[in-house]
Amino acid sequence: MPEIFERRSRESHGEWVITRLIQTAGYSSIFFVLMILYFLLANGLPVMKDVSLSNLFSTVWYPIEEYYGILPLILGSLVVTLGAALIGVPLGILTAVYISEIAPQWVKEALKPLIEILAGIPSVVLGFLGAIVLSPFLRESLNLPTGLTALTGSILLGAIAIPTIVSISEDALNTVPRAYREAALALGTTRWQTIWGVTVPAARSGILMAIMLGIGRSIGETMTVMMVTGNAPVMPDSLGALFAPIRTMTATIASEMGEVSGGSPHYHVLFFIGIVLFLITLGVNVMASRIAFRQRKRSERVLS
């Protein structure tokens, strides 16, 4: 009996230690996010004393002459991200549907590792391939003055977002109960009608979360867009901006932070851009979390 109580005591102590380690890891992630936000606010908000709002939200970015308009950078990021979504979302969802619902087992076993490899390719390598291969191809095919355009960045960012969209969308499709498919087929629907009329709508919340996370990945990408978009801070005022050079917020921070003097207005503006980027990314992730929460609650109601 004493040995049993001693063993149970050791097990309880081990469980307590593991529980506290898990709690510490969870709280530390929140702490790190708050510290990052504090660092950005501490270095970005002083810009309000040095730069007027009319200057800060103008359409001209030329720090040498003290023009700090960030609107071209924000709109440039949105244009590239929207282009990446238009490319990556359809391809990602169709690929996920093919892997989950149509492909034979040997094809699934081949495609899954390839998609994971695509997710693991460093962004600088994709940027290098884009500058060497994709950019000249688009310049010659579309008869453009330069291949370093928003379209080039959108294509590469779409390729970067596809693995995230495919992985999460496939998981969402796999969680749809098999009874849904069997019931639809028993009612006389075809396989394609079952997929698009039953399976995909049932996994809608998970697919939306995949799209949001893929877009969040595209917004925060740096090296790829810095290498292939031309880095020209111009206002995208028409659809033609997709075929012209552009500059994003991430590329601006990466290219100019190393040469700016600490404490200068330019320095604080770069951190203010970081605040804007942080808030946009946070908003996207919060929306994805809300979608996942609703999906989990809906699944619990169905199971109950």
C-alpha atoms as a PDB file:
ATOM      1  CA  MET A   1       0.000   0.000   0.000  1.00  0.00           C
ATOM      2  CA  PRO A   2       2.717   2.592   0.826  1.00  0.00           C
ATOM      3  CA  GLU A   3       4.335   1.850  -2.548  1.00  0.00           C
ATOM      4  CA  ILE A   4       1.021   2.493  -4.348  1.00  0.00           C
ATOM      5  CA  PHE A   5       0.518   5.821  -2.566  1.00  0.00           C
ATOM      6  CA  GLU A   6       4.117   6.803  -3.290  1.00  0.00           C
ATOM      7  CA  ARG A   7       3.735   5.970  -6.989  1.00  0.00           C
ATOM      8  CA  ARG A   8       0.488   7.937  -7.213  1.00  0.00           C
ATOM      9  CA  SER A   9       2.170  10.858  -5.476  1.00  0.00           C
ATOM     10  CA  ARG A  10       5.003  10.839  -8.013  1.00  0.00           C
ATOM     11  CA  GLU A  11       2.513  10.667 -10.892  1.00  0.00           C
ATOM     12  CA  SER A  12       0.510  13.571  -9.458  1.00  0.00           C
ATOM     13  CA  HIS A  13       3.685  15.600  -9.038  1.00  0.00           C
ATOM     14  CA  GLY A  14       4.718  14.865 -12.638  1.00  0.00           C
ATOM     15  CA  GLU A  15       1.294  15.854 -13.939  1.00  0.00           C
ATOM     16  CA  TRP A  16       1.479  19.091 -11.939  1.00  0.00           C
ATOM     17  CA  VAL A  17       4.886  19.938 -13.436  1.00  0.00           C
ATOM     18  CA  ILE A  18       3.715  19.176 -16.991  1.00  0.00           C
ATOM     19  CA  THR A  19       0.544  21.230 -16.483  1.00  0.00           C
ATOM     20  CA  ARG A  20       2.530  24.210 -15.237  1.00  0.00           C
ATOM     21  CA  LEU A  21       4.971  23.943 -18.163  1.00  0.00           C
ATOM     22  CA  ILE A  22       2.090  23.958 -20.634  1.00  0.00           C
ATOM     23  CA  GLN A  23       0.503  26.938 -18.894  1.00  0.00           C
ATOM     24  CA  THR A  24       3.826  28.770 -18.904  1.00  0.00           C
ATOM     25  CA  ALA A  25       4.253  28.141 -22.623  1.00  0.00           C
ATOM     26  CA  GLY A  26       0.740  29.432 -23.313  1.00  0.00           C
ATOM     27  CA  TYR A  27       1.139  32.551 -21.179  1.00  0.00           C
ATOM     28  CA  SER A  28       4.597  33.247 -22.608  1.00  0.00           C
ATOM     29  CA  SER A  29       3.205  33.441 -26.151  1.00  0.00           C
ATOM     30  CA  ILE A  30       0.718  36.078 -24.987  1.00  0.00           C
ATOM     31  CA  PHE A  31       3.515  37.886 -23.155  1.00  0.00           C
ATOM     32  CA  PHE A  32       5.751  37.945 -26.226  1.00  0.00           C
ATOM     33  CA  VAL A  33       2.951  39.344 -28.417  1.00  0.00           C
ATOM     34  CA  LEU A  34       2.267  42.080 -25.863  1.00  0.00           C
ATOM     35  CA  MET A  35       5.963  42.906 -25.646  1.00  0.00           C
ATOM     36  CA  ILE A  36       6.203  43.175 -29.437  1.00  0.00           C
ATOM     37  CA  LEU A  37       3.183  45.483 -29.451  1.00  0.00           C
ATOM     38  CA  TYR A  38       4.700  47.593 -26.663  1.00  0.00           C
ATOM     39  CA  PHE A  39       8.005  47.861 -28.544  1.00  0.00           C
ATOM     40  CA  LEU A  40       6.215  48.943 -31.714  1.00  0.00           C
ATOM     41  CA  LEU A  41       4.084  51.494 -29.884  1.00  0.00           C
ATOM     42  CA  ALA A  42       7.043  52.880 -27.951  1.00  0.00           C
ATOM     43  CA  ASN A  43       9.016  53.476 -31.141  1.00  0.00           C
ATOM     44  CA  GLY A  44       6.171  54.249 -33.544  1.00  0.00           C
ATOM     45  CA  LEU A  45       3.846  56.605 -31.682  1.00  0.00           C
ATOM     46  CA  PRO A  46       6.489  59.364 -31.248  1.00  0.00           C
ATOM     47  CA  VAL A  47       6.053  59.983 -34.965  1.00  0.00           C
ATOM     48  CA  MET A  48       2.909  61.925 -34.078  1.00  0.00           C
ATOM     49  CA  LYS A  49       5.113  64.649 -32.569  1.00  0.00           C
ATOM     50  CA  ASP A  50       7.498  64.865 -35.511  1.00  0.00           C
ATOM     51  CA  VAL A  51       5.271  64.307 -38.564  1.00  0.00           C
ATOM     52  CA  SER A  52       1.846  65.792 -39.230  1.00  0.00           C
ATOM     53  CA  LEU A  53      -1.068  63.505 -40.043  1.00  0.00           C
ATOM     54  CA  SER A  54      -1.489  65.160 -43.442  1.00  0.00           C
ATOM     55  CA  ASN A  55       2.112  64.292 -44.255  1.00  0.00           C
ATOM     56  CA  LEU A  56       1.893  60.794 -42.757  1.00  0.00           C
ATOM     57  CA  PHE A  57      -1.203  59.836 -44.739  1.00  0.00           C
ATOM     58  CA  SER A  58      -0.243  61.589 -47.961  1.00  0.00           C
ATOM     59  CA  THR A  59       0.488  59.898 -51.295  1.00  0.00           C
ATOM     60  CA  VAL A  60       4.217  60.686 -51.515  1.00  0.00           C
ATOM     61  CA  TRP A  61       6.901  58.534 -49.894  1.00  0.00           C
ATOM     62  CA  TYR A  62      10.263  60.306 -50.221  1.00  0.00           C
ATOM     63  CA  PRO A  63      11.964  60.352 -46.794  1.00  0.00           C
ATOM     64  CA  ILE A  64      15.008  62.283 -48.047  1.00  0.00           C
ATOM     65  CA  GLU A  65      12.774  65.315 -48.553  1.00  0.00           C
ATOM     66  CA  GLU A  66      10.722  64.516 -45.418  1.00  0.00           C
ATOM     67  CA  TYR A  67       7.699  63.202 -47.293  1.00  0.00           C
ATOM     68  CA  TYR A  68       6.416  60.248 -45.274  1.00  0.00           C
ATOM     69  CA  GLY A  69       3.166  59.343 -46.992  1.00  0.00           C
ATOM     70  CA  ILE A  70       2.390  55.702 -46.195  1.00  0.00           C
ATOM     71  CA  LEU A  71      -0.749  55.375 -48.341  1.00  0.00           C
ATOM     72  CA  PRO A  72       1.188  54.043 -51.386  1.00  0.00           C
ATOM     73  CA  LEU A  73       2.765  51.416 -49.125  1.00  0.00           C
ATOM     74  CA  ILE A  74      -0.542  50.329 -47.575  1.00  0.00           C
ATOM     75  CA  LEU A  75      -2.327  50.170 -50.928  1.00  0.00           C
ATOM     76  CA  GLY A  76       0.670  48.422 -52.476  1.00  0.00           C
ATOM     77  CA  SER A  77       0.464  45.701 -49.820  1.00  0.00           C
ATOM     78  CA  LEU A  78      -3.292  45.374 -50.379  1.00  0.00           C
ATOM     79  CA  VAL A  79      -2.913  45.110 -54.169  1.00  0.00           C
ATOM     80  CA  VAL A  80      -0.287  42.383 -53.932  1.00  0.00           C
ATOM     81  CA  THR A  81      -2.234  40.516 -51.245  1.00  0.00           C
ATOM     82  CA  LEU A  82      -5.487  40.714 -53.217  1.00  0.00           C
ATOM     83  CA  GLY A  83      -3.711  39.428 -56.317  1.00  0.00           C
ATOM     84  CA  ALA A  84      -2.206  36.583 -54.279  1.00  0.00           C
ATOM     85  CA  ALA A  85      -5.659  35.704 -52.917  1.00  0.00           C
ATOM     86  CA  LEU A  86      -7.169  35.629 -56.422  1.00  0.00           C
ATOM     87  CA  ILE A  87      -4.439  33.200 -57.467  1.00  0.00           C
ATOM     88  CA  GLY A  88      -3.897  31.132 -54.338  1.00  0.00           C
ATOM     89  CA  VAL A  89      -7.457  30.675 -53.045  1.00  0.00           C
ATOM     90  CA  PRO A  90      -8.984  28.902 -56.094  1.00  0.00           C
ATOM     91  CA  LEU A  91      -5.901  26.738 -56.661  1.00  0.00           C
ATOM     92  CA  GLY A  92      -5.604  25.917 -52.967  1.00  0.00           C
ATOM     93  CA  ILE A  93      -9.260  24.965 -52.505  1.00  0.00           C
ATOM     94  CA  LEU A  94      -9.402  22.926 -55.731  1.00  0.00           C
ATOM     95  CA  THR A  95      -6.219  21.100 -54.763  1.00  0.00           C
ATOM     96  CA  ALA A  96      -7.606  20.352 -51.298  1.00  0.00           C
ATOM     97  CA  VAL A  97     -10.854  19.018 -52.799  1.00  0.00           C
ATOM     98  CA  TYR A  98      -8.911  16.849 -55.237  1.00  0.00           C
ATOM     99  CA  ILE A  99      -6.680  15.388 -52.518  1.00  0.00           C
ATOM    100  CA  SER A 100      -9.509  14.806 -50.060  1.00  0.00           C
ATOM    101  CA  GLU A 101     -12.330  13.650 -52.338  1.00  0.00           C
ATOM    102  CA  ILE A 102     -11.023  12.487 -55.705  1.00  0.00           C
ATOM    103  CA  ALA A 103      -7.375  11.445 -55.753  1.00  0.00           C
ATOM    104  CA  PRO A 104      -6.489   7.772 -55.250  1.00  0.00           C
ATOM    105  CA  GLN A 105      -4.394   6.865 -52.253  1.00  0.00           C
ATOM    106  CA  TRP A 106      -1.068   6.725 -54.092  1.00  0.00           C
ATOM    107  CA  VAL A 107      -1.644  10.207 -55.505  1.00  0.00           C
ATOM    108  CA  LYS A 108      -2.435  11.549 -52.023  1.00  0.00           C
ATOM    109  CA  GLU A 109       0.778  10.042 -50.691  1.00  0.00           C
ATOM    110  CA  ALA A 110       2.718  11.785 -53.463  1.00  0.00           C
ATOM    111  CA  LEU A 111       0.997  15.164 -53.344  1.00  0.00           C
ATOM    112  CA  LYS A 112       1.072  15.706 -49.580  1.00  0.00           C
ATOM    113  CA  PRO A 113       4.895  15.659 -49.295  1.00  0.00           C
ATOM    114  CA  LEU A 114       5.223  17.888 -52.371  1.00  0.00           C
ATOM    115  CA  ILE A 115       2.911  20.493 -50.850  1.00  0.00           C
ATOM    116  CA  GLU A 116       4.824  20.328 -47.572  1.00  0.00           C
ATOM    117  CA  ILE A 117       8.078  20.831 -49.483  1.00  0.00           C
ATOM    118  CA  LEU A 118       6.579  23.884 -51.190  1.00  0.00           C
ATOM    119  CA  ALA A 119       5.666  25.262 -47.753  1.00  0.00           C
ATOM    120  CA  GLY A 120       9.241  24.741 -46.564  1.00  0.00           C
ATOM    121  CA  ILE A 121      10.980  26.558 -49.431  1.00  0.00           C
ATOM    122  CA  PRO A 122      12.545  29.783 -48.046  1.00  0.00           C
ATOM    123  CA  SER A 123      10.910  32.922 -49.353  1.00  0.00           C
ATOM    124  CA  VAL A 124      14.271  34.293 -50.482  1.00  0.00           C
ATOM    125  CA  VAL A 125      14.658  31.278 -52.792  1.00  0.00           C
ATOM    126  CA  LEU A 126      11.217  31.912 -54.285  1.00  0.00           C
ATOM    127  CA  GLY A 127      12.139  35.570 -54.692  1.00  0.00           C
ATOM    128  CA  PHE A 128      15.353  34.597 -56.463  1.00  0.00           C
ATOM    129  CA  LEU A 129      13.491  32.272 -58.827  1.00  0.00           C
ATOM    130  CA  GLY A 130      10.918  34.992 -59.440  1.00  0.00           C
ATOM    131  CA  ALA A 131      13.572  37.578 -60.300  1.00  0.00           C
ATOM    132  CA  ILE A 132      15.522  35.210 -62.564  1.00  0.00           C
ATOM    133  CA  VAL A 133      12.764  33.173 -64.223  1.00  0.00           C
ATOM    134  CA  LEU A 134       9.256  34.583 -63.696  1.00  0.00           C
ATOM    135  CA  SER A 135      10.064  38.273 -64.093  1.00  0.00           C
ATOM    136  CA  PRO A 136      11.734  37.969 -67.542  1.00  0.00           C
ATOM    137  CA  PHE A 137       8.958  35.616 -68.674  1.00  0.00           C
ATOM    138  CA  LEU A 138       6.210  38.101 -67.756  1.00  0.00           C
ATOM    139  CA  ARG A 139       8.140  41.003 -69.290  1.00  0.00           C
ATOM    140  CA  GLU A 140       8.460  39.225 -72.631  1.00  0.00           C
ATOM    141  CA  SER A 141       5.016  37.601 -72.640  1.00  0.00           C
ATOM    142  CA  LEU A 142       3.056  40.745 -71.699  1.00  0.00           C
ATOM    143  CA  ASN A 143       5.397  43.214 -73.423  1.00  0.00           C
ATOM    144  CA  LEU A 144       6.055  45.148 -70.213  1.00  0.00           C
ATOM    145  CA  PRO A 145       8.850  47.661 -69.581  1.00  0.00           C
ATOM    146  CA  THR A 146       9.933  45.577 -66.579  1.00  0.00           C
ATOM    147  CA  GLY A 147       8.957  42.252 -65.103  1.00  0.00           C
ATOM    148  CA  LEU A 148       9.345  43.523 -61.540  1.00  0.00           C
ATOM    149  CA  THR A 149       5.672  44.257 -60.999  1.00  0.00           C
ATOM    150  CA  ALA A 150       2.829  43.717 -58.570  1.00  0.00           C
ATOM    151  CA  LEU A 151       1.680  40.804 -60.734  1.00  0.00           C
ATOM    152  CA  THR A 152       4.988  39.006 -60.212  1.00  0.00           C
ATOM    153  CA  GLY A 153       4.721  39.476 -56.468  1.00  0.00           C
ATOM    154  CA  SER A 154       1.094  38.320 -56.479  1.00  0.00           C
ATOM    155  CA  ILE A 155       1.949  35.102 -58.306  1.00  0.00           C
ATOM    156  CA  LEU A 156       4.744  34.254 -55.885  1.00  0.00           C
ATOM    157  CA  LEU A 157       2.705  35.195 -52.813  1.00  0.00           C
ATOM    158  CA  GLY A 158      -0.120  33.039 -54.150  1.00  0.00           C
ATOM    159  CA  ALA A 159       2.332  30.129 -54.374  1.00  0.00           C
ATOM    160  CA  ILE A 160       3.411  30.818 -50.790  1.00  0.00           C
ATOM    161  CA  ALA A 161      -0.206  30.861 -49.541  1.00  0.00           C
ATOM    162  CA  ILE A 162      -1.278  27.702 -51.378  1.00  0.00           C
ATOM    163  CA  PRO A 163       0.299  25.168 -48.940  1.00  0.00           C
ATOM    164  CA  THR A 164      -1.450  26.779 -45.961  1.00  0.00           C
ATOM    165  CA  ILE A 165      -4.799  26.865 -47.755  1.00  0.00           C
ATOM    166  CA  VAL A 166      -4.459  23.286 -49.011  1.00  0.00           C
ATOM    167  CA  SER A 167      -3.422  21.833 -45.652  1.00  0.00           C
ATOM    168  CA  ILE A 168      -6.146  23.451 -43.540  1.00  0.00           C
ATOM    169  CA  SER A 169      -8.874  23.047 -46.181  1.00  0.00           C
ATOM    170  CA  GLU A 170      -8.086  19.365 -46.569  1.00  0.00           C
ATOM    171  CA  ASP A 171      -8.280  18.855 -42.808  1.00  0.00           C
ATOM    172  CA  ALA A 172     -11.660  20.615 -42.797  1.00  0.00           C
ATOM    173  CA  LEU A 173     -12.942  18.414 -45.633  1.00  0.00           C
ATOM    174  CA  ASN A 174     -11.724  15.270 -43.896  1.00  0.00           C
ATOM    175  CA  THR A 175     -13.649  16.175 -40.747  1.00  0.00           C
ATOM    176  CA  VAL A 176     -16.970  16.163 -42.616  1.00  0.00           C
ATOM    177  CA  PRO A 177     -18.778  12.980 -41.488  1.00  0.00           C
ATOM    178  CA  ARG A 178     -18.870  10.235 -44.089  1.00  0.00           C
ATOM    179  CA  ALA A 179     -22.593   9.896 -43.425  1.00  0.00           C
ATOM    180  CA  TYR A 180     -23.142  13.244 -45.186  1.00  0.00           C
ATOM    181  CA  ARG A 181     -21.635  11.898 -48.394  1.00  0.00           C
ATOM    182  CA  GLU A 182     -23.461   8.572 -48.176  1.00  0.00           C
ATOM    183  CA  ALA A 183     -26.799  10.263 -47.525  1.00  0.00           C
ATOM    184  CA  ALA A 184     -26.346  12.578 -50.517  1.00  0.00           C
ATOM    185  CA  LEU A 185     -25.382   9.690 -52.803  1.00  0.00           C
ATOM    186  CA  ALA A 186     -28.338   7.664 -51.530  1.00  0.00           C
ATOM    187  CA  LEU A 187     -30.648  10.497 -52.612  1.00  0.00           C
ATOM    188  CA  GLY A 188     -29.385  10.132 -56.170  1.00  0.00           C
ATOM    189  CA  THR A 189     -26.852  12.971 -56.437  1.00  0.00           C
ATOM    190  CA  THR A 190     -23.729  12.511 -58.498  1.00  0.00           C
ATOM    191  CA  ARG A 191     -20.249  12.527 -57.024  1.00  0.00           C
ATOM    192  CA  TRP A 192     -19.607  16.113 -58.146  1.00  0.00           C
ATOM    193  CA  GLN A 193     -22.941  17.288 -56.800  1.00  0.00           C
ATOM    194  CA  THR A 194     -22.109  15.665 -53.472  1.00  0.00           C
ATOM    195  CA  ILE A 195     -18.720  17.353 -53.319  1.00  0.00           C
ATOM    196  CA  TRP A 196     -19.876  20.882 -54.207  1.00  0.00           C
ATOM    197  CA  GLY A 197     -23.358  20.706 -52.722  1.00  0.00           C
ATOM    198  CA  VAL A 198     -22.696  18.837 -49.477  1.00  0.00           C
ATOM    199  CA  THR A 199     -19.046  18.293 -48.543  1.00  0.00           C
ATOM    200  CA  VAL A 200     -17.620  21.728 -49.351  1.00  0.00           C
ATOM    201  CA  PRO A 201     -20.508  23.672 -47.717  1.00  0.00           C
ATOM    202  CA  ALA A 202     -20.203  21.469 -44.608  1.00  0.00           C
ATOM    203  CA  ALA A 203     -16.502  22.384 -44.375  1.00  0.00           C
ATOM    204  CA  ARG A 204     -17.127  26.065 -45.158  1.00  0.00           C
ATOM    205  CA  SER A 205     -15.916  27.396 -41.801  1.00  0.00           C
ATOM    206  CA  GLY A 206     -12.630  25.497 -42.004  1.00  0.00           C
ATOM    207  CA  ILE A 207     -12.085  26.574 -45.594  1.00  0.00           C
ATOM    208  CA  LEU A 208     -12.711  30.211 -44.668  1.00  0.00           C
ATOM    209  CA  MET A 209     -10.201  29.900 -41.856  1.00  0.00           C
ATOM    210  CA  ALA A 210      -7.669  28.472 -44.325  1.00  0.00           C
ATOM    211  CA  ILE A 211      -8.244  31.425 -46.647  1.00  0.00           C
ATOM    212  CA  MET A 212      -7.788  33.940 -43.826  1.00  0.00           C
ATOM    213  CA  LEU A 213      -4.558  32.313 -42.634  1.00  0.00           C
ATOM    214  CA  GLY A 214      -3.250  32.140 -46.197  1.00  0.00           C
ATOM    215  CA  ILE A 215      -3.992  35.844 -46.667  1.00  0.00           C
ATOM    216  CA  GLY A 216      -2.299  36.586 -43.347  1.00  0.00           C
ATOM    217  CA  ARG A 217       0.771  34.729 -44.566  1.00  0.00           C
ATOM    218  CA  SER A 218       0.798  36.798 -47.751  1.00  0.00           C
ATOM    219  CA  ILE A 219       0.463  40.129 -45.938  1.00  0.00           C
ATOM    220  CA  GLY A 220       3.487  39.462 -43.751  1.00  0.00           C
ATOM    221  CA  GLU A 221       5.819  38.203 -46.487  1.00  0.00           C
ATOM    222  CA  THR A 222       8.946  40.326 -46.959  1.00  0.00           C
ATOM    223  CA  MET A 223      11.832  38.967 -48.994  1.00  0.00           C
ATOM    224  CA  THR A 224       9.811  37.728 -51.948  1.00  0.00           C
ATOM    225  CA  VAL A 225       7.968  40.996 -52.575  1.00  0.00           C
ATOM    226  CA  MET A 226      11.112  43.034 -51.973  1.00  0.00           C
ATOM    227  CA  MET A 227      12.931  41.118 -54.718  1.00  0.00           C
ATOM    228  CA  VAL A 228      10.261  41.030 -57.450  1.00  0.00           C
ATOM    229  CA  THR A 229       7.890  44.019 -57.113  1.00  0.00           C
ATOM    230  CA  GLY A 230      10.291  46.779 -58.168  1.00  0.00           C
ATOM    231  CA  ASN A 231      10.042  48.722 -54.856  1.00  0.00           C
ATOM    232  CA  ALA A 232       8.514  51.852 -56.393  1.00  0.00           C
ATOM    233  CA  PRO A 233       6.308  53.720 -53.870  1.00  0.00           C
ATOM    234  CA  VAL A 234       3.637  54.846 -56.315  1.00  0.00           C
ATOM    235  CA  MET A 235      -0.113  55.050 -55.787  1.00  0.00           C
ATOM    236  CA  PRO A 236      -1.998  52.149 -57.413  1.00  0.00           C
ATOM    237  CA  ASP A 237      -4.821  54.220 -58.912  1.00  0.00           C
ATOM    238  CA  SER A 238      -6.046  51.769 -61.586  1.00  0.00           C
ATOM    239  CA  LEU A 239      -5.937  48.141 -62.672  1.00  0.00           C
ATOM    240  CA  GLY A 240      -2.819  48.984 -64.628  1.00  0.00           C
ATOM    241  CA  ALA A 241      -0.965  49.162 -61.302  1.00  0.00           C
ATOM    242  CA  LEU A 242      -0.940  45.373 -61.308  1.00  0.00           C
ATOM    243  CA  PHE A 243       1.499  45.490 -64.242  1.00  0.00           C
ATOM    244  CA  ALA A 244       3.699  48.230 -62.779  1.00  0.00           C
ATOM    245  CA  PRO A 245       6.298  48.323 -60.004  1.00  0.00           C
ATOM    246  CA  ILE A 246       4.948  48.740 -56.499  1.00  0.00           C
ATOM    247  CA  ARG A 247       6.186  48.797 -52.915  1.00  0.00           C
ATOM    248  CA  THR A 248       4.765  47.077 -49.841  1.00  0.00           C
ATOM    249  CA  MET A 249       4.985  47.910 -46.148  1.00  0.00           C
ATOM    250  CA  THR A 250       7.153  44.914 -45.333  1.00  0.00           C
ATOM    251  CA  ALA A 251       9.607  45.664 -48.140  1.00  0.00           C
ATOM    252  CA  THR A 252       9.903  49.277 -46.990  1.00  0.00           C
ATOM    253  CA  ILE A 253      10.765  48.278 -43.426  1.00  0.00           C
ATOM    254  CA  ALA A 254      13.270  45.653 -44.552  1.00  0.00           C
ATOM    255  CA  SER A 255      15.034  47.854 -47.096  1.00  0.00           C
ATOM    256  CA  GLU A 256      15.241  51.091 -45.089  1.00  0.00           C
ATOM    257  CA  MET A 257      15.551  50.117 -41.429  1.00  0.00           C
ATOM    258  CA  GLY A 258      19.226  49.227 -41.752  1.00  0.00           C
ATOM    259  CA  GLU A 259      20.256  52.658 -43.035  1.00  0.00           C
ATOM    260  CA  VAL A 260      18.026  55.001 -41.029  1.00  0.00           C
ATOM    261  CA  SER A 261      19.396  56.884 -38.030  1.00  0.00           C
ATOM    262  CA  GLY A 262      17.868  55.924 -34.692  1.00  0.00           C
ATOM    263  CA  GLY A 263      15.392  58.388 -33.211  1.00  0.00           C
ATOM    264  CA  SER A 264      14.832  60.291 -36.452  1.00  0.00           C
ATOM    265  CA  PRO A 265      11.331  60.918 -37.869  1.00  0.00           C
ATOM    266  CA  HIS A 266      12.081  58.407 -40.610  1.00  0.00           C
ATOM    267  CA  TYR A 267      12.945  55.839 -37.920  1.00  0.00           C
ATOM    268  CA  HIS A 268       9.664  56.398 -36.087  1.00  0.00           C
ATOM    269  CA  VAL A 269       7.648  56.289 -39.318  1.00  0.00           C
ATOM    270  CA  LEU A 270       9.050  52.838 -40.103  1.00  0.00           C
ATOM    271  CA  PHE A 271       7.908  51.628 -36.711  1.00  0.00           C
ATOM    272  CA  PHE A 272       4.515  53.227 -37.306  1.00  0.00           C
ATOM    273  CA  ILE A 273       4.275  51.191 -40.514  1.00  0.00           C
ATOM    274  CA  GLY A 274       5.061  48.168 -38.359  1.00  0.00           C
ATOM    275  CA  ILE A 275       2.119  49.069 -36.091  1.00  0.00           C
ATOM    276  CA  VAL A 276      -0.230  49.261 -39.075  1.00  0.00           C
ATOM    277  CA  LEU A 277       1.043  45.934 -40.373  1.00  0.00           C
ATOM    278  CA  PHE A 278       0.724  44.378 -36.909  1.00  0.00           C
ATOM    279  CA  LEU A 279      -2.891  45.521 -36.580  1.00  0.00           C
ATOM    280  CA  ILE A 280      -3.821  44.251 -40.044  1.00  0.00           C
ATOM    281  CA  THR A 281      -2.254  40.848 -39.367  1.00  0.00           C
ATOM    282  CA  LEU A 282      -3.851  40.708 -35.922  1.00  0.00           C
ATOM    283  CA  GLY A 283      -7.251  41.463 -37.426  1.00  0.00           C
ATOM    284  CA  VAL A 284      -6.881  38.679 -39.989  1.00  0.00           C
ATOM    285  CA  ASN A 285      -5.856  36.151 -37.323  1.00  0.00           C
ATOM    286  CA  VAL A 286      -8.681  37.210 -34.988  1.00  0.00           C
ATOM    287  CA  MET A 287     -11.182  36.679 -37.800  1.00  0.00           C
ATOM    288  CA  ALA A 288      -9.684  33.229 -38.481  1.00  0.00           C
ATOM    289  CA  SER A 289      -9.928  32.354 -34.773  1.00  0.00           C
ATOM    290  CA  ARG A 290     -13.573  33.449 -34.636  1.00  0.00           C
ATOM    291  CA  ILE A 291     -14.332  31.286 -37.665  1.00  0.00           C
ATOM    292  CA  ALA A 292     -12.612  28.299 -36.041  1.00  0.00           C
ATOM    293  CA  PHE A 293     -14.517  28.903 -32.793  1.00  0.00           C
ATOM    294  CA  ARG A 294     -17.854  29.013 -34.599  1.00  0.00           C
ATOM    295  CA  GLN A 295     -16.991  25.831 -36.478  1.00  0.00           C
ATOM    296  CA  ARG A 296     -16.122  24.033 -33.241  1.00  0.00           C
ATOM    297  CA  LYS A 297     -19.373  25.157 -31.588  1.00  0.00           C
ATOM    298  CA  ARG A 298     -21.371  24.088 -34.632  1.00  0.00           C
ATOM    299  CA  SER A 299     -19.697  20.671 -34.611  1.00  0.00           C
ATOM    300  CA  GLU A 300     -20.490  20.245 -30.923  1.00  0.00           C
ATOM    301  CA  ARG A 301     -24.162  21.080 -31.535  1.00  0.00           C
ATOM    302  CA  VAL A 302     -24.339  18.555 -34.397  1.00  0.00           C
ATOM    303  CA  LEU A 303     -22.731  15.824 -32.310  1.00  0.00           C
ATOM    304  CA  SER A 304     -25.009  16.544 -29.361  1.00  0.00           C
END
